[in-house]
């Protein structure tokens, strides 16, 4: 397996993690900050929009993988590591505020 293919598989996993954490954020009252994804979610629904856009991007990247510069896949992966890390941070904040709210209600 080449390093480009391995990085692509990591990219797929990171996109799945982004989709999963984004859906959790949306279900807990959060919002999508990417304007294009927010529009797609508004018009198609969250799971459908995330699946369609992510599938399109993944197919596109896979198709052009041999033509991408050497730095592209590591950069894409690093970007999605930051996205997923931010989503996890947002989920922690949402959960902390929900716990705090419940504690104040008792």
N, C-alpha and C. Protein backbone atom coordinates (compact mmCIF):
# COMPACT_ATOMS: atom_id res chain seq x y z
N UNK A 1 0.85 -1.18 0.00
CA UNK A 1 0.00 0.00 0.00
C UNK A 1 0.89 1.24 0.00
N UNK A 2 0.61 2.15 -0.90
CA UNK A 2 1.41 3.37 -0.98
C UNK A 2 1.03 4.34 0.14
N UNK A 3 1.91 5.28 0.39
CA UNK A 3 1.61 6.27 1.43
C UNK A 3 0.41 7.13 1.04
N UNK A 4 0.23 7.38 -0.26
CA UNK A 4 -0.93 8.18 -0.70
C UNK A 4 -2.23 7.45 -0.40
N UNK A 5 -2.26 6.14 -0.63
CA UNK A 5 -3.46 5.36 -0.34
C UNK A 5 -3.71 5.30 1.16
N UNK A 6 -2.67 5.11 1.94
CA UNK A 6 -2.82 5.10 3.40
C UNK A 6 -3.35 6.44 3.89
N UNK A 7 -2.81 7.53 3.38
CA UNK A 7 -3.31 8.85 3.76
C UNK A 7 -4.75 9.06 3.30
N UNK A 8 -5.10 8.51 2.16
CA UNK A 8 -6.50 8.61 1.71
C UNK A 8 -7.42 7.87 2.68
N UNK A 9 -7.01 6.70 3.14
CA UNK A 9 -7.82 5.94 4.10
C UNK A 9 -7.97 6.70 5.42
N UNK A 10 -6.91 7.36 5.83
CA UNK A 10 -6.98 8.22 7.03
C UNK A 10 -7.95 9.38 6.77
N UNK A 11 -7.88 9.95 5.58
CA UNK A 11 -8.77 11.03 5.18
C UNK A 11 -10.23 10.57 5.22
N UNK A 12 -10.51 9.35 4.75
CA UNK A 12 -11.86 8.80 4.81
C UNK A 12 -12.31 8.67 6.26
N UNK A 13 -11.45 8.11 7.12
CA UNK A 13 -11.79 7.96 8.53
C UNK A 13 -12.06 9.31 9.19
N UNK A 14 -11.25 10.30 8.86
CA UNK A 14 -11.46 11.63 9.44
C UNK A 14 -12.76 12.26 8.95
N UNK A 15 -13.12 12.02 7.70
CA UNK A 15 -14.40 12.53 7.19
C UNK A 15 -15.57 11.84 7.87
N UNK A 16 -15.44 10.55 8.14
CA UNK A 16 -16.49 9.84 8.89
C UNK A 16 -16.61 10.40 10.30
N UNK A 17 -15.47 10.66 10.93
CA UNK A 17 -15.48 11.23 12.28
C UNK A 17 -16.09 12.63 12.26
N UNK A 18 -15.79 13.41 11.24
CA UNK A 18 -16.38 14.74 11.11
C UNK A 18 -17.90 14.63 10.95
N UNK A 19 -18.35 13.72 10.11
CA UNK A 19 -19.80 13.55 9.90
C UNK A 19 -20.49 13.13 11.20
N UNK A 20 -19.91 12.16 11.88
CA UNK A 20 -20.50 11.66 13.13
C UNK A 20 -20.58 12.77 14.18
N UNK A 21 -19.47 13.47 14.39
CA UNK A 21 -19.48 14.52 15.42
C UNK A 21 -20.37 15.69 15.02
N UNK A 22 -20.40 16.01 13.73
CA UNK A 22 -21.29 17.08 13.27
C UNK A 22 -22.75 16.72 13.52
N UNK A 23 -23.13 15.49 13.20
CA UNK A 23 -24.52 15.07 13.46
C UNK A 23 -24.85 15.14 14.94
N UNK A 24 -23.93 14.74 15.79
CA UNK A 24 -24.17 14.83 17.24
C UNK A 24 -24.35 16.28 17.67
N UNK A 25 -23.52 17.16 17.13
CA UNK A 25 -23.63 18.59 17.48
C UNK A 25 -24.99 19.12 17.04
N UNK A 26 -25.39 18.82 15.82
CA UNK A 26 -26.67 19.32 15.29
C UNK A 26 -27.84 18.77 16.10
N UNK A 27 -27.78 17.51 16.49
CA UNK A 27 -28.86 16.90 17.27
C UNK A 27 -28.95 17.48 18.68
N UNK A 28 -27.86 18.08 19.14
CA UNK A 28 -27.87 18.68 20.47
C UNK A 28 -28.06 20.19 20.42
N UNK A 29 -28.50 20.68 19.27
CA UNK A 29 -28.84 22.09 19.16
C UNK A 29 -27.75 22.99 18.60
N UNK A 30 -26.62 22.41 18.21
CA UNK A 30 -25.55 23.20 17.62
C UNK A 30 -25.87 23.54 16.18
N UNK A 31 -24.96 24.24 15.53
CA UNK A 31 -25.19 24.61 14.13
C UNK A 31 -23.94 24.36 13.31
N UNK A 32 -24.14 24.22 12.02
CA UNK A 32 -23.05 24.03 11.07
C UNK A 32 -22.47 25.40 10.73
N UNK A 33 -21.15 25.53 10.83
CA UNK A 33 -20.50 26.82 10.56
C UNK A 33 -20.08 26.98 9.11
N UNK A 34 -19.90 25.89 8.39
CA UNK A 34 -19.54 25.95 6.97
C UNK A 34 -20.78 26.41 6.20
N UNK A 35 -20.75 27.57 5.55
CA UNK A 35 -21.95 28.11 4.89
C UNK A 35 -22.51 27.17 3.81
N UNK A 36 -21.65 26.53 3.04
CA UNK A 36 -22.14 25.62 2.01
C UNK A 36 -22.84 24.42 2.65
N UNK A 37 -22.22 23.83 3.68
CA UNK A 37 -22.85 22.68 4.34
C UNK A 37 -24.13 23.09 5.07
N UNK A 38 -24.15 24.28 5.65
CA UNK A 38 -25.36 24.75 6.32
C UNK A 38 -26.50 24.87 5.31
N UNK A 39 -26.20 25.38 4.11
CA UNK A 39 -27.22 25.48 3.07
C UNK A 39 -27.69 24.09 2.64
N UNK A 40 -26.75 23.17 2.43
CA UNK A 40 -27.10 21.81 2.01
C UNK A 40 -27.94 21.11 3.08
N UNK A 41 -27.58 21.28 4.33
CA UNK A 41 -28.34 20.67 5.43
C UNK A 41 -29.74 21.25 5.49
N UNK A 42 -29.84 22.56 5.30
CA UNK A 42 -31.16 23.21 5.32
C UNK A 42 -32.07 22.66 4.22
N UNK A 43 -31.49 22.36 3.05
CA UNK A 43 -32.30 21.93 1.91
C UNK A 43 -32.48 20.42 1.80
N UNK A 44 -31.55 19.65 2.35
CA UNK A 44 -31.64 18.19 2.17
C UNK A 44 -31.74 17.43 3.47
N UNK A 45 -31.48 18.07 4.59
CA UNK A 45 -31.42 17.37 5.87
C UNK A 45 -29.99 17.00 6.18
N UNK A 46 -29.68 16.91 7.46
CA UNK A 46 -28.29 16.71 7.86
C UNK A 46 -27.67 15.41 7.37
N UNK A 47 -28.28 14.26 7.64
CA UNK A 47 -27.60 13.03 7.20
C UNK A 47 -27.43 12.96 5.68
N UNK A 48 -28.45 13.34 4.96
CA UNK A 48 -28.39 13.27 3.50
C UNK A 48 -27.34 14.23 2.94
N UNK A 49 -27.32 15.45 3.44
CA UNK A 49 -26.35 16.44 2.95
C UNK A 49 -24.93 16.01 3.27
N UNK A 50 -24.70 15.57 4.50
CA UNK A 50 -23.35 15.14 4.88
C UNK A 50 -22.90 13.96 4.03
N UNK A 51 -23.77 12.98 3.86
CA UNK A 51 -23.40 11.81 3.07
C UNK A 51 -23.10 12.19 1.62
N UNK A 52 -23.97 12.98 1.02
CA UNK A 52 -23.81 13.33 -0.39
C UNK A 52 -22.55 14.15 -0.63
N UNK A 53 -22.34 15.18 0.17
CA UNK A 53 -21.17 16.05 -0.03
C UNK A 53 -19.89 15.29 0.27
N UNK A 54 -19.87 14.54 1.38
CA UNK A 54 -18.67 13.78 1.72
C UNK A 54 -18.36 12.74 0.66
N UNK A 55 -19.38 12.03 0.19
CA UNK A 55 -19.15 11.01 -0.85
C UNK A 55 -18.59 11.65 -2.11
N UNK A 56 -19.14 12.78 -2.51
CA UNK A 56 -18.64 13.49 -3.69
C UNK A 56 -17.18 13.88 -3.53
N UNK A 57 -16.84 14.46 -2.38
CA UNK A 57 -15.47 14.90 -2.13
C UNK A 57 -14.52 13.70 -2.11
N UNK A 58 -14.92 12.62 -1.45
CA UNK A 58 -14.05 11.45 -1.37
C UNK A 58 -13.82 10.83 -2.74
N UNK A 59 -14.87 10.72 -3.56
CA UNK A 59 -14.71 10.18 -4.91
C UNK A 59 -13.79 11.10 -5.73
N UNK A 60 -13.98 12.39 -5.60
CA UNK A 60 -13.16 13.35 -6.34
C UNK A 60 -11.69 13.24 -5.94
N UNK A 61 -11.42 13.20 -4.64
CA UNK A 61 -10.04 13.09 -4.17
C UNK A 61 -9.43 11.76 -4.63
N UNK A 62 -10.19 10.67 -4.52
CA UNK A 62 -9.68 9.37 -4.95
C UNK A 62 -9.34 9.39 -6.45
N UNK A 63 -10.22 9.99 -7.23
CA UNK A 63 -10.01 10.06 -8.67
C UNK A 63 -8.72 10.82 -9.02
N UNK A 64 -8.49 11.92 -8.32
CA UNK A 64 -7.33 12.76 -8.63
C UNK A 64 -6.11 12.46 -7.76
N UNK A 65 -6.20 11.43 -6.92
CA UNK A 65 -5.11 11.10 -6.01
C UNK A 65 -3.74 11.01 -6.70
N UNK A 66 -3.64 10.33 -7.85
CA UNK A 66 -2.32 10.25 -8.49
C UNK A 66 -1.78 11.59 -8.98
N UNK A 67 -2.66 12.56 -9.16
CA UNK A 67 -2.24 13.86 -9.68
C UNK A 67 -1.96 14.90 -8.60
N UNK A 68 -2.33 14.59 -7.37
CA UNK A 68 -2.18 15.56 -6.28
C UNK A 68 -0.71 15.73 -5.93
N UNK A 69 -0.33 16.95 -5.57
CA UNK A 69 1.05 17.14 -5.09
C UNK A 69 1.27 16.36 -3.79
N UNK A 70 2.51 16.06 -3.52
CA UNK A 70 2.85 15.22 -2.37
C UNK A 70 2.34 15.78 -1.04
N UNK A 71 2.24 17.09 -0.93
CA UNK A 71 1.82 17.72 0.32
C UNK A 71 0.31 17.73 0.51
N UNK A 72 -0.46 17.44 -0.52
CA UNK A 72 -1.91 17.63 -0.46
C UNK A 72 -2.60 16.71 0.55
N UNK A 73 -2.36 15.42 0.48
CA UNK A 73 -3.07 14.51 1.39
C UNK A 73 -2.70 14.74 2.85
N UNK A 74 -1.41 14.94 3.19
CA UNK A 74 -1.11 15.28 4.59
C UNK A 74 -1.81 16.57 5.03
N UNK A 75 -1.88 17.56 4.13
CA UNK A 75 -2.55 18.82 4.47
C UNK A 75 -4.04 18.61 4.68
N UNK A 76 -4.68 17.82 3.80
CA UNK A 76 -6.11 17.53 3.96
C UNK A 76 -6.36 16.81 5.27
N UNK A 77 -5.51 15.84 5.58
CA UNK A 77 -5.68 15.10 6.83
C UNK A 77 -5.50 16.00 8.04
N UNK A 78 -4.48 16.85 8.02
CA UNK A 78 -4.27 17.78 9.14
C UNK A 78 -5.46 18.71 9.32
N UNK A 79 -5.99 19.18 8.20
CA UNK A 79 -7.17 20.04 8.27
C UNK A 79 -8.32 19.31 8.97
N UNK A 80 -8.57 18.07 8.58
CA UNK A 80 -9.68 17.33 9.18
C UNK A 80 -9.40 16.91 10.62
N UNK A 81 -8.14 16.72 10.98
CA UNK A 81 -7.82 16.49 12.39
C UNK A 81 -8.26 17.71 13.20
N UNK A 82 -7.99 18.90 12.68
CA UNK A 82 -8.39 20.14 13.36
C UNK A 82 -9.92 20.26 13.42
N UNK A 83 -10.60 19.89 12.33
CA UNK A 83 -12.07 19.96 12.30
C UNK A 83 -12.67 19.02 13.33
N UNK A 84 -12.19 17.79 13.37
CA UNK A 84 -12.74 16.79 14.31
C UNK A 84 -12.41 17.20 15.74
N UNK A 85 -11.20 17.69 15.97
CA UNK A 85 -10.83 18.14 17.32
C UNK A 85 -11.74 19.29 17.76
N UNK A 86 -12.04 20.20 16.86
CA UNK A 86 -12.95 21.30 17.20
C UNK A 86 -14.35 20.77 17.49
N UNK A 87 -14.82 19.82 16.68
CA UNK A 87 -16.14 19.24 16.92
C UNK A 87 -16.21 18.58 18.28
N UNK A 88 -15.15 17.87 18.66
CA UNK A 88 -15.12 17.23 19.98
C UNK A 88 -15.15 18.29 21.08
N UNK A 89 -14.41 19.37 20.88
CA UNK A 89 -14.41 20.47 21.87
C UNK A 89 -15.80 21.07 22.00
N UNK A 90 -16.49 21.27 20.87
CA UNK A 90 -17.85 21.81 20.88
C UNK A 90 -18.79 20.85 21.60
N UNK A 91 -18.67 19.56 21.32
CA UNK A 91 -19.52 18.57 22.00
C UNK A 91 -19.28 18.59 23.51
N UNK A 92 -18.03 18.71 23.92
CA UNK A 92 -17.73 18.78 25.34
C UNK A 92 -18.36 20.01 25.98
N UNK A 93 -18.31 21.15 25.28
CA UNK A 93 -18.93 22.37 25.79
C UNK A 93 -20.44 22.22 25.90
N UNK A 94 -21.05 21.62 24.86
CA UNK A 94 -22.50 21.41 24.88
C UNK A 94 -22.87 20.50 26.04
N UNK A 95 -22.13 19.41 26.20
CA UNK A 95 -22.42 18.47 27.28
C UNK A 95 -22.21 19.11 28.64
N UNK A 96 -21.18 19.92 28.78
CA UNK A 96 -20.92 20.61 30.05
C UNK A 96 -22.03 21.60 30.37
N UNK A 97 -22.51 22.32 29.35
CA UNK A 97 -23.57 23.30 29.61
C UNK A 97 -24.89 22.58 29.91
N UNK A 98 -25.13 21.44 29.27
CA UNK A 98 -26.33 20.68 29.57
C UNK A 98 -26.28 20.09 30.97
N UNK A 99 -25.12 19.63 31.40
CA UNK A 99 -24.95 19.09 32.75
C UNK A 99 -25.11 20.21 33.76
N UNK A 100 -24.53 21.36 33.48
CA UNK A 100 -24.64 22.50 34.38
C UNK A 100 -26.10 22.93 34.49
N UNK A 101 -26.81 22.94 33.37
CA UNK A 101 -28.20 23.34 33.37
C UNK A 101 -29.04 22.38 34.19
N UNK A 102 -28.80 21.09 34.05
CA UNK A 102 -29.55 20.08 34.80
C UNK A 102 -29.26 20.21 36.28
N UNK A 103 -28.00 20.45 36.63
CA UNK A 103 -27.66 20.60 38.04
C UNK A 103 -28.36 21.81 38.66
N UNK A 104 -28.52 22.88 37.92
CA UNK A 104 -29.19 24.06 38.44
C UNK A 104 -30.69 23.88 38.54
N UNK A 105 -31.24 22.95 37.77
CA UNK A 105 -32.68 22.70 37.80
C UNK A 105 -33.12 21.93 39.05
N UNK A 106 -32.23 21.19 39.65
CA UNK A 106 -32.63 20.33 40.80
C UNK A 106 -32.80 21.09 42.04
